[in-house]
Amino acid sequence: MSESMIGKVLYVCDCGPECKCDHSSEEPSSCACGEPAVRRKVLVEDDQRIYVAETGHADAVDEPGTEPFTTSDGRPVQGFTKQR
């Protein structure tokens, strides 16, 4: 069984929810589309994906919401494939 990613800080592509790059890294970086990666805390995870506050917003909230797959301000989370 692998260690939980919840609460871990990663850098993910800042394209927004339509992102096809699926870039995530433990280090500051840029993704293949040329967008800089932004710092986000993992809020939710499942077997295949981690979920962070939706990208493309300068004012993202890195706190989980009371509803599943939302942030504390009610915005949806965005999924990225877990790195193996």
C-alpha atoms as a PDB file:
ATOM      1  CA  MET A   1       0.000   0.000   0.000  1.00  0.00           C
ATOM      2  CA  SER A   2       1.421   3.372  -0.981  1.00  0.00           C
ATOM      3  CA  GLU A   3       1.681   6.414   1.251  1.00  0.00           C
ATOM      4  CA  SER A   4      -1.156   8.960   1.091  1.00  0.00           C
ATOM      5  CA  MET A   5      -0.521  12.064  -1.001  1.00  0.00           C
ATOM      6  CA  ILE A   6      -3.155  14.165   0.819  1.00  0.00           C
ATOM      7  CA  GLY A   7      -1.575  17.329   2.202  1.00  0.00           C
ATOM      8  CA  LYS A   8       1.551  17.007   0.060  1.00  0.00           C
ATOM      9  CA  VAL A   9       2.540  20.083  -1.969  1.00  0.00           C
ATOM     10  CA  LEU A  10       3.086  19.552  -5.699  1.00  0.00           C
ATOM     11  CA  TYR A  11       3.586  21.774  -8.721  1.00  0.00           C
ATOM     12  CA  VAL A  12       0.940  21.271 -11.407  1.00  0.00           C
ATOM     13  CA  CYS A  13       0.253  22.806 -14.818  1.00  0.00           C
ATOM     14  CA  ASP A  14      -1.664  26.098 -14.589  1.00  0.00           C
ATOM     15  CA  CYS A  15      -3.630  25.612 -17.857  1.00  0.00           C
ATOM     16  CA  GLY A  16      -6.924  25.349 -16.010  1.00  0.00           C
ATOM     17  CA  PRO A  17      -9.510  22.582 -15.814  1.00  0.00           C
ATOM     18  CA  GLU A  18      -9.262  21.794 -19.548  1.00  0.00           C
ATOM     19  CA  CYS A  19      -5.567  20.905 -19.139  1.00  0.00           C
ATOM     20  CA  LYS A  20      -4.466  17.982 -21.285  1.00  0.00           C
ATOM     21  CA  CYS A  21      -0.828  18.210 -20.157  1.00  0.00           C
ATOM     22  CA  ASP A  22      -1.475  16.399 -16.868  1.00  0.00           C
ATOM     23  CA  HIS A  23       1.864  17.719 -15.533  1.00  0.00           C
ATOM     24  CA  SER A  24       2.721  17.382 -11.860  1.00  0.00           C
ATOM     25  CA  SER A  25       6.076  17.524 -10.128  1.00  0.00           C
ATOM     26  CA  GLU A  26       7.580  17.775  -6.668  1.00  0.00           C
ATOM     27  CA  GLU A  27       9.832  20.599  -7.950  1.00  0.00           C
ATOM     28  CA  PRO A  28       9.029  24.006  -9.487  1.00  0.00           C
ATOM     29  CA  SER A  29       8.791  23.490 -13.242  1.00  0.00           C
ATOM     30  CA  SER A  30       6.974  24.211 -16.487  1.00  0.00           C
ATOM     31  CA  CYS A  31       4.905  21.732 -18.429  1.00  0.00           C
ATOM     32  CA  ALA A  32       4.989  20.699 -22.087  1.00  0.00           C
ATOM     33  CA  CYS A  33       2.404  23.344 -23.041  1.00  0.00           C
ATOM     34  CA  GLY A  34       4.757  26.058 -21.790  1.00  0.00           C
ATOM     35  CA  GLU A  35       2.656  27.122 -18.807  1.00  0.00           C
ATOM     36  CA  PRO A  36       4.485  27.466 -15.504  1.00  0.00           C
ATOM     37  CA  ALA A  37       3.552  24.970 -12.841  1.00  0.00           C
ATOM     38  CA  VAL A  38       1.783  26.374  -9.778  1.00  0.00           C
ATOM     39  CA  ARG A  39       2.071  25.219  -6.197  1.00  0.00           C
ATOM     40  CA  ARG A  40      -0.964  23.289  -4.950  1.00  0.00           C
ATOM     41  CA  LYS A  41      -1.698  21.076  -1.965  1.00  0.00           C
ATOM     42  CA  VAL A  42      -3.226  17.657  -2.660  1.00  0.00           C
ATOM     43  CA  LEU A  43      -6.763  17.758  -1.240  1.00  0.00           C
ATOM     44  CA  VAL A  44      -8.196  14.416  -2.409  1.00  0.00           C
ATOM     45  CA  GLU A  45      -6.843  11.260  -4.001  1.00  0.00           C
ATOM     46  CA  ASP A  46      -8.028   7.975  -5.411  1.00  0.00           C
ATOM     47  CA  ASP A  47      -6.120   4.996  -6.816  1.00  0.00           C
ATOM     48  CA  GLN A  48      -5.167   6.733 -10.080  1.00  0.00           C
ATOM     49  CA  ARG A  49      -5.321  10.498  -9.486  1.00  0.00           C
ATOM     50  CA  ILE A  50      -4.546  13.301  -7.075  1.00  0.00           C
ATOM     51  CA  TYR A  51      -6.868  16.310  -6.872  1.00  0.00           C
ATOM     52  CA  VAL A  52      -5.870  19.901  -6.173  1.00  0.00           C
ATOM     53  CA  ALA A  53      -7.595  23.284  -6.177  1.00  0.00           C
ATOM     54  CA  GLU A  54      -8.545  24.031  -9.772  1.00  0.00           C
ATOM     55  CA  THR A  55      -5.754  25.736 -11.708  1.00  0.00           C
ATOM     56  CA  GLY A  56      -6.069  28.846 -13.842  1.00  0.00           C
ATOM     57  CA  HIS A  57      -7.138  30.953 -10.832  1.00  0.00           C
ATOM     58  CA  ALA A  58      -4.724  33.252  -9.005  1.00  0.00           C
ATOM     59  CA  ASP A  59      -6.880  33.048  -5.877  1.00  0.00           C
ATOM     60  CA  ALA A  60      -7.137  29.266  -5.468  1.00  0.00           C
ATOM     61  CA  VAL A  61      -7.892  27.978  -1.975  1.00  0.00           C
ATOM     62  CA  ASP A  62      -5.795  25.005  -0.835  1.00  0.00           C
ATOM     63  CA  GLU A  63      -8.279  23.772   1.765  1.00  0.00           C
ATOM     64  CA  PRO A  64     -10.782  20.934   1.242  1.00  0.00           C
ATOM     65  CA  GLY A  65     -14.476  21.739   1.219  1.00  0.00           C
ATOM     66  CA  THR A  66     -17.306  20.112   3.084  1.00  0.00           C
ATOM     67  CA  GLU A  67     -18.644  18.650  -0.174  1.00  0.00           C
ATOM     68  CA  PRO A  68     -16.587  15.912  -1.863  1.00  0.00           C
ATOM     69  CA  PHE A  69     -14.240  17.116  -4.597  1.00  0.00           C
ATOM     70  CA  THR A  70     -14.556  20.827  -3.756  1.00  0.00           C
ATOM     71  CA  THR A  71     -12.383  23.415  -2.057  1.00  0.00           C
ATOM     72  CA  SER A  72     -13.507  25.348   1.015  1.00  0.00           C
ATOM     73  CA  ASP A  73     -14.778  28.169  -1.228  1.00  0.00           C
ATOM     74  CA  GLY A  74     -16.974  25.727  -3.187  1.00  0.00           C
ATOM     75  CA  ARG A  75     -14.882  25.515  -6.360  1.00  0.00           C
ATOM     76  CA  PRO A  76     -14.270  22.113  -7.928  1.00  0.00           C
ATOM     77  CA  VAL A  77     -10.942  20.341  -7.599  1.00  0.00           C
ATOM     78  CA  GLN A  78      -8.869  19.317 -10.620  1.00  0.00           C
ATOM     79  CA  GLY A  79      -7.360  15.871 -11.122  1.00  0.00           C
ATOM     80  CA  PHE A  80      -3.878  14.906 -12.253  1.00  0.00           C
ATOM     81  CA  THR A  81      -2.512  11.406 -12.813  1.00  0.00           C
ATOM     82  CA  LYS A  82      -0.461  10.085  -9.915  1.00  0.00           C
ATOM     83  CA  GLN A  83       3.230   9.779 -10.684  1.00  0.00           C
ATOM     84  CA  ARG A  84       4.524   6.252 -10.067  1.00  0.00           C
END
